[in-house]
């Protein structure tokens, strides 16, 4: 699959706990324009779309979350289960998140400011797969 990539960020641990730096420099997969958090209530699915323009990187900052991705060449399930494991999703890669553990928090880095509407979002999976 070409629509995604897994990144592993440094994890520094000692007796006090852990630290994971996310350096927003030339080593980050894209220039970050927006950062946001996602939670889910009552076993809800989040995402469920593809972007035409935007790249994103997702990290389970707390708990664990399953990601279903589809880049038209196939579908894959990825477990986001470590705070230093990131899932990069490129434009035209369907992504949705489900099976949030209790109190799970999804940390999201975006390559764009919020771009609502049909110029950026494909929200129907059948339409996405037909393109």
N, C-alpha and C. Protein backbone atom coordinates (compact mmCIF):
# COMPACT_ATOMS: atom_id res chain seq x y z
N UNK A 1 0.84 -1.19 0.00
CA UNK A 1 0.00 0.00 0.00
C UNK A 1 0.88 1.25 0.00
N UNK A 2 0.51 2.19 -0.83
CA UNK A 2 1.31 3.41 -0.96
C UNK A 2 0.72 4.59 -0.21
N UNK A 3 -0.49 4.48 0.28
CA UNK A 3 -1.18 5.62 0.88
C UNK A 3 -0.86 5.88 2.33
N UNK A 4 0.01 5.06 2.92
CA UNK A 4 0.33 5.27 4.33
C UNK A 4 1.77 4.87 4.62
N UNK A 5 2.24 5.31 5.78
CA UNK A 5 3.57 4.96 6.24
C UNK A 5 3.56 4.97 7.76
N UNK A 6 4.27 4.03 8.37
CA UNK A 6 4.40 3.99 9.83
C UNK A 6 5.70 4.68 10.22
N UNK A 7 5.62 5.55 11.20
CA UNK A 7 6.79 6.24 11.74
C UNK A 7 6.96 5.84 13.20
N UNK A 8 8.20 5.69 13.62
CA UNK A 8 8.51 5.45 15.02
C UNK A 8 9.34 6.62 15.52
N UNK A 9 8.83 7.28 16.55
CA UNK A 9 9.50 8.43 17.12
C UNK A 9 10.34 7.99 18.32
N UNK A 10 11.39 8.75 18.65
CA UNK A 10 12.23 8.37 19.78
C UNK A 10 11.43 8.34 21.08
N UNK A 11 11.75 7.39 21.92
CA UNK A 11 11.13 7.26 23.24
C UNK A 11 12.25 7.21 24.27
N UNK A 12 12.25 8.17 25.17
CA UNK A 12 13.24 8.23 26.23
C UNK A 12 12.54 7.90 27.55
N UNK A 13 12.96 6.81 28.19
CA UNK A 13 12.34 6.39 29.44
C UNK A 13 13.38 6.27 30.53
N UNK A 14 12.97 6.63 31.73
CA UNK A 14 13.78 6.40 32.91
C UNK A 14 12.84 6.16 34.09
N UNK A 15 13.34 6.20 35.27
CA UNK A 15 12.52 5.91 36.45
C UNK A 15 11.38 6.90 36.64
N UNK A 16 11.50 8.09 36.06
CA UNK A 16 10.46 9.11 36.23
C UNK A 16 9.30 8.93 35.26
N UNK A 17 9.54 8.24 34.14
CA UNK A 17 8.51 8.07 33.12
C UNK A 17 9.12 8.16 31.73
N UNK A 18 8.32 8.61 30.78
CA UNK A 18 8.77 8.66 29.40
C UNK A 18 8.63 10.03 28.78
N UNK A 19 9.38 10.24 27.70
CA UNK A 19 9.32 11.47 26.94
C UNK A 19 9.46 11.10 25.47
N UNK A 20 8.54 11.62 24.64
CA UNK A 20 8.58 11.39 23.20
C UNK A 20 8.56 12.75 22.52
N UNK A 21 9.67 13.15 21.92
CA UNK A 21 9.68 14.44 21.22
C UNK A 21 9.16 14.29 19.78
N UNK A 22 8.35 15.24 19.36
CA UNK A 22 7.90 15.32 17.98
C UNK A 22 8.49 16.61 17.41
N UNK A 23 9.64 16.49 16.78
CA UNK A 23 10.32 17.65 16.22
C UNK A 23 9.65 18.03 14.89
N UNK A 24 9.14 19.23 14.82
CA UNK A 24 8.44 19.69 13.62
C UNK A 24 9.43 20.41 12.72
N UNK A 25 10.40 19.65 12.26
CA UNK A 25 11.47 20.19 11.42
C UNK A 25 11.52 19.44 10.10
N UNK A 26 12.64 19.50 9.40
CA UNK A 26 12.76 18.86 8.09
C UNK A 26 12.65 17.34 8.15
N UNK A 27 12.76 16.75 9.32
CA UNK A 27 12.63 15.29 9.45
C UNK A 27 11.18 14.84 9.61
N UNK A 28 10.28 15.75 9.96
CA UNK A 28 8.86 15.41 10.04
C UNK A 28 8.36 15.22 8.61
N UNK A 29 7.41 14.31 8.37
CA UNK A 29 7.02 13.99 6.99
C UNK A 29 6.41 15.14 6.19
N UNK A 30 5.92 16.19 6.85
CA UNK A 30 5.35 17.35 6.15
C UNK A 30 5.37 18.54 7.10
N UNK A 31 5.16 19.73 6.54
CA UNK A 31 5.03 20.93 7.36
C UNK A 31 3.68 20.89 8.07
N UNK A 32 3.68 21.06 9.36
CA UNK A 32 2.46 20.97 10.16
C UNK A 32 1.79 22.34 10.23
N UNK A 33 0.51 22.36 9.87
CA UNK A 33 -0.30 23.58 9.94
C UNK A 33 -1.33 23.53 11.06
N UNK A 34 -1.64 22.30 11.54
CA UNK A 34 -2.71 22.16 12.52
C UNK A 34 -2.45 20.91 13.34
N UNK A 35 -2.77 20.98 14.63
CA UNK A 35 -2.70 19.83 15.54
C UNK A 35 -4.03 19.76 16.26
N UNK A 36 -4.59 18.55 16.37
CA UNK A 36 -5.86 18.40 17.07
C UNK A 36 -5.94 17.04 17.74
N UNK A 37 -6.88 16.90 18.68
CA UNK A 37 -7.11 15.66 19.42
C UNK A 37 -8.48 15.12 19.08
N UNK A 38 -8.60 13.78 19.06
CA UNK A 38 -9.88 13.12 18.79
C UNK A 38 -10.13 12.09 19.89
N UNK A 39 -11.35 12.05 20.38
CA UNK A 39 -11.80 11.00 21.30
C UNK A 39 -13.06 10.39 20.71
N UNK A 40 -13.47 9.26 21.26
CA UNK A 40 -14.69 8.61 20.78
C UNK A 40 -15.54 8.20 21.97
N UNK A 41 -16.84 8.39 21.86
CA UNK A 41 -17.79 7.99 22.90
C UNK A 41 -18.63 6.84 22.41
N UNK A 42 -18.95 5.94 23.30
CA UNK A 42 -19.91 4.87 23.03
C UNK A 42 -19.55 4.05 21.79
N UNK A 43 -18.30 3.67 21.68
CA UNK A 43 -17.83 2.80 20.59
C UNK A 43 -18.06 3.40 19.21
N UNK A 44 -18.01 4.71 19.10
CA UNK A 44 -18.19 5.38 17.82
C UNK A 44 -16.95 5.24 16.95
N UNK A 45 -17.14 5.29 15.65
CA UNK A 45 -16.05 5.32 14.68
C UNK A 45 -15.78 6.78 14.33
N UNK A 46 -14.51 7.12 14.20
CA UNK A 46 -14.13 8.49 13.84
C UNK A 46 -13.41 8.47 12.50
N UNK A 47 -13.31 9.60 11.86
CA UNK A 47 -12.71 9.66 10.53
C UNK A 47 -13.75 9.22 9.52
N UNK A 48 -13.45 8.16 8.78
CA UNK A 48 -14.39 7.68 7.78
C UNK A 48 -14.41 8.56 6.55
N UNK A 49 -13.23 8.91 6.07
CA UNK A 49 -13.13 9.76 4.88
C UNK A 49 -11.72 9.66 4.30
N UNK A 50 -11.55 10.26 3.14
CA UNK A 50 -10.25 10.46 2.52
C UNK A 50 -10.14 11.95 2.21
N UNK A 51 -8.92 12.43 2.14
CA UNK A 51 -8.68 13.83 1.79
C UNK A 51 -8.15 13.92 0.36
N UNK A 52 -8.49 14.98 -0.31
CA UNK A 52 -7.96 15.24 -1.64
C UNK A 52 -6.64 16.00 -1.57
N UNK A 53 -6.44 16.78 -0.50
CA UNK A 53 -5.29 17.66 -0.39
C UNK A 53 -4.41 17.32 0.81
N UNK A 54 -5.00 17.00 1.91
CA UNK A 54 -4.35 16.96 3.22
C UNK A 54 -3.62 15.64 3.51
N UNK A 55 -2.43 15.76 4.08
CA UNK A 55 -1.73 14.63 4.68
C UNK A 55 -1.88 14.74 6.19
N UNK A 56 -1.94 13.61 6.88
CA UNK A 56 -2.07 13.62 8.33
C UNK A 56 -1.19 12.54 8.94
N UNK A 57 -0.85 12.75 10.21
CA UNK A 57 -0.11 11.76 10.97
C UNK A 57 -0.85 11.57 12.29
N UNK A 58 -1.17 10.32 12.62
CA UNK A 58 -1.99 9.99 13.77
C UNK A 58 -1.19 9.17 14.78
N UNK A 59 -1.36 9.49 16.06
CA UNK A 59 -0.69 8.80 17.15
C UNK A 59 -1.69 8.59 18.28
N UNK A 60 -1.71 7.39 18.83
CA UNK A 60 -2.52 7.14 20.03
C UNK A 60 -1.75 7.72 21.21
N UNK A 61 -2.08 8.95 21.58
CA UNK A 61 -1.39 9.62 22.68
C UNK A 61 -1.73 8.98 24.01
N UNK A 62 -2.90 8.37 24.06
CA UNK A 62 -3.34 7.65 25.26
C UNK A 62 -4.20 6.47 24.81
N UNK A 63 -3.95 5.31 25.38
CA UNK A 63 -4.74 4.13 25.06
C UNK A 63 -4.34 3.52 23.74
N UNK A 64 -5.29 2.77 23.17
CA UNK A 64 -5.05 2.12 21.88
C UNK A 64 -6.26 2.34 20.99
N UNK A 65 -5.99 2.36 19.68
CA UNK A 65 -7.01 2.66 18.68
C UNK A 65 -6.68 1.85 17.44
N UNK A 66 -7.69 1.32 16.78
CA UNK A 66 -7.48 0.63 15.51
C UNK A 66 -7.78 1.59 14.36
N UNK A 67 -6.95 1.49 13.33
CA UNK A 67 -7.13 2.31 12.13
C UNK A 67 -7.36 1.39 10.95
N UNK A 68 -8.41 1.66 10.19
CA UNK A 68 -8.64 0.96 8.92
C UNK A 68 -8.27 1.94 7.83
N UNK A 69 -7.36 1.52 6.96
CA UNK A 69 -6.96 2.38 5.85
C UNK A 69 -7.15 1.64 4.54
N UNK A 70 -7.39 2.40 3.51
CA UNK A 70 -7.62 1.83 2.17
C UNK A 70 -7.08 2.83 1.16
N UNK A 71 -6.16 2.39 0.30
CA UNK A 71 -5.61 3.28 -0.71
C UNK A 71 -6.02 2.85 -2.12
N UNK A 72 -7.08 2.11 -2.24
CA UNK A 72 -7.63 1.57 -3.48
C UNK A 72 -6.87 0.34 -3.97
N UNK A 73 -5.66 0.08 -3.45
CA UNK A 73 -4.92 -1.13 -3.78
C UNK A 73 -5.19 -2.22 -2.74
N UNK A 74 -5.85 -1.86 -1.67
CA UNK A 74 -6.14 -2.82 -0.63
C UNK A 74 -6.45 -2.14 0.68
N UNK A 75 -6.95 -2.95 1.58
CA UNK A 75 -7.36 -2.47 2.89
C UNK A 75 -6.42 -3.06 3.93
N UNK A 76 -6.18 -2.30 5.00
CA UNK A 76 -5.28 -2.76 6.05
C UNK A 76 -5.77 -2.23 7.39
N UNK A 77 -5.61 -3.04 8.42
CA UNK A 77 -5.92 -2.64 9.79
C UNK A 77 -4.59 -2.42 10.51
N UNK A 78 -4.46 -1.29 11.16
CA UNK A 78 -3.24 -0.96 11.89
C UNK A 78 -3.62 -0.66 13.33
N UNK A 79 -2.92 -1.28 14.27
CA UNK A 79 -3.14 -1.02 15.68
C UNK A 79 -2.23 0.12 16.11
N UNK A 80 -2.84 1.20 16.53
CA UNK A 80 -2.08 2.29 17.13
C UNK A 80 -2.07 2.01 18.63
N UNK A 81 -0.96 1.47 19.09
CA UNK A 81 -0.90 0.95 20.46
C UNK A 81 0.36 1.35 21.21
N UNK A 82 1.10 2.31 20.67
CA UNK A 82 2.29 2.83 21.33
C UNK A 82 2.35 4.33 21.09
N UNK A 83 2.70 5.09 22.10
CA UNK A 83 2.69 6.54 21.99
C UNK A 83 3.76 7.08 21.04
N UNK A 84 4.72 6.27 20.66
CA UNK A 84 5.74 6.74 19.74
C UNK A 84 5.58 6.15 18.33
N UNK A 85 4.43 5.54 18.07
CA UNK A 85 4.13 4.96 16.76
C UNK A 85 3.12 5.85 16.04
N UNK A 86 3.50 6.34 14.87
CA UNK A 86 2.63 7.23 14.12
C UNK A 86 2.23 6.64 12.78
N UNK A 87 0.99 6.89 12.39
CA UNK A 87 0.46 6.46 11.10
C UNK A 87 0.31 7.69 10.23
N UNK A 88 1.11 7.77 9.17
CA UNK A 88 0.98 8.85 8.20
C UNK A 88 0.03 8.41 7.10
N UNK A 89 -0.95 9.26 6.80
CA UNK A 89 -1.93 8.98 5.76
C UNK A 89 -1.83 10.07 4.71
N UNK A 90 -1.62 9.66 3.47
CA UNK A 90 -1.48 10.58 2.34
C UNK A 90 -2.85 10.94 1.77
N UNK A 91 -2.91 11.96 0.90
CA UNK A 91 -4.16 12.23 0.20
C UNK A 91 -4.63 10.99 -0.56
N UNK A 92 -5.92 10.88 -0.71
CA UNK A 92 -6.59 9.77 -1.39
C UNK A 92 -6.32 8.43 -0.72
N UNK A 93 -6.22 8.45 0.59
CA UNK A 93 -6.14 7.22 1.39
C UNK A 93 -7.28 7.28 2.40
N UNK A 94 -8.24 6.37 2.26
CA UNK A 94 -9.38 6.30 3.17
C UNK A 94 -8.86 5.92 4.55
N UNK A 95 -9.37 6.57 5.60
CA UNK A 95 -8.96 6.25 6.97
C UNK A 95 -10.13 6.43 7.92
N UNK A 96 -10.26 5.44 8.79
CA UNK A 96 -11.24 5.55 9.86
C UNK A 96 -10.68 4.86 11.09
N UNK A 97 -11.14 5.32 12.25
CA UNK A 97 -10.60 4.87 13.53
C UNK A 97 -11.73 4.31 14.38
N UNK A 98 -11.46 3.20 15.03
CA UNK A 98 -12.48 2.54 15.83
C UNK A 98 -11.82 1.75 16.95
N UNK A 99 -12.62 1.11 17.76
CA UNK A 99 -12.15 0.29 18.88
C UNK A 99 -11.22 1.10 19.79
N UNK A 100 -11.66 2.31 20.13
CA UNK A 100 -10.91 3.15 21.06
C UNK A 100 -10.96 2.48 22.44
N UNK A 101 -9.81 2.29 23.07
CA UNK A 101 -9.81 1.79 24.44
C UNK A 101 -10.37 2.88 25.35
N UNK A 102 -10.66 2.51 26.57
CA UNK A 102 -11.23 3.48 27.52
C UNK A 102 -10.28 4.66 27.67
N UNK A 103 -10.81 5.86 27.54
CA UNK A 103 -10.06 7.12 27.67
C UNK A 103 -8.97 7.30 26.61
N UNK A 104 -9.08 6.63 25.47
CA UNK A 104 -8.09 6.79 24.40
C UNK A 104 -8.17 8.19 23.79
N UNK A 105 -7.02 8.69 23.40
CA UNK A 105 -6.92 10.01 22.76
C UNK A 105 -6.05 9.87 21.51
N UNK A 106 -6.57 10.31 20.38
CA UNK A 106 -5.85 10.28 19.12
C UNK A 106 -5.28 11.67 18.86
N UNK A 107 -3.95 11.75 18.75
CA UNK A 107 -3.25 12.99 18.46
C UNK A 107 -3.03 13.06 16.96
N UNK A 108 -3.40 14.20 16.35
CA UNK A 108 -3.37 14.32 14.89
C UNK A 108 -2.58 15.56 14.48
N UNK A 109 -1.64 15.35 13.55
CA UNK A 109 -0.89 16.43 12.92
C UNK A 109 -1.37 16.53 11.48
N UNK A 110 -1.64 17.74 11.02
CA UNK A 110 -2.18 17.94 9.67
C UNK A 110 -1.29 18.88 8.85
N UNK A 111 -1.24 18.62 7.56
CA UNK A 111 -0.45 19.45 6.64
C UNK A 111 -1.19 20.72 6.21
N UNK A 112 -2.47 20.84 6.59
CA UNK A 112 -3.25 22.01 6.17
C UNK A 112 -4.02 22.58 7.35
N UNK A 113 -4.43 23.82 7.18
CA UNK A 113 -5.43 24.36 8.08
C UNK A 113 -6.73 23.64 7.74
N UNK A 114 -7.74 23.76 8.58
CA UNK A 114 -8.99 23.06 8.33
C UNK A 114 -9.59 23.48 6.99
N UNK A 115 -9.84 22.50 6.14
CA UNK A 115 -10.42 22.73 4.81
C UNK A 115 -11.72 21.93 4.71
N UNK A 116 -12.84 22.47 5.15
CA UNK A 116 -14.09 21.72 5.11
C UNK A 116 -14.65 21.59 3.70
N UNK A 117 -15.50 20.61 3.54
CA UNK A 117 -16.26 20.51 2.30
C UNK A 117 -15.67 19.62 1.24
N UNK A 118 -16.35 19.59 0.11
CA UNK A 118 -16.04 18.65 -0.97
C UNK A 118 -14.72 18.93 -1.68
N UNK A 119 -14.13 20.11 -1.47
CA UNK A 119 -12.83 20.39 -2.09
C UNK A 119 -11.71 19.58 -1.46
N UNK A 120 -11.93 19.09 -0.23
CA UNK A 120 -10.90 18.32 0.47
C UNK A 120 -11.37 16.94 0.91
N UNK A 121 -12.65 16.76 1.21
CA UNK A 121 -13.14 15.52 1.80
C UNK A 121 -13.91 14.65 0.81
N UNK A 122 -13.64 13.35 0.87
CA UNK A 122 -14.47 12.33 0.22
C UNK A 122 -15.04 11.54 1.38
N UNK A 123 -16.35 11.65 1.60
CA UNK A 123 -16.95 11.07 2.80
C UNK A 123 -17.77 9.81 2.53
N UNK A 124 -17.88 9.41 1.28
CA UNK A 124 -18.60 8.20 0.95
C UNK A 124 -17.59 7.16 0.43
N UNK A 125 -17.50 6.03 1.11
CA UNK A 125 -16.48 5.04 0.77
C UNK A 125 -16.70 4.47 -0.64
N UNK A 126 -17.95 4.25 -1.05
CA UNK A 126 -18.22 3.72 -2.37
C UNK A 126 -17.77 4.70 -3.45
N UNK A 127 -18.03 5.99 -3.22
CA UNK A 127 -17.58 7.03 -4.15
C UNK A 127 -16.05 7.04 -4.22
N UNK A 128 -15.41 6.94 -3.06
CA UNK A 128 -13.95 6.91 -2.99
C UNK A 128 -13.39 5.74 -3.80
N UNK A 129 -13.96 4.55 -3.59
CA UNK A 129 -13.46 3.37 -4.27
C UNK A 129 -13.72 3.40 -5.79
N UNK A 130 -14.76 4.13 -6.22
CA UNK A 130 -15.11 4.21 -7.63
C UNK A 130 -14.25 5.20 -8.41
N UNK A 131 -13.55 6.08 -7.72
CA UNK A 131 -12.74 7.10 -8.41
C UNK A 131 -11.48 6.53 -9.01
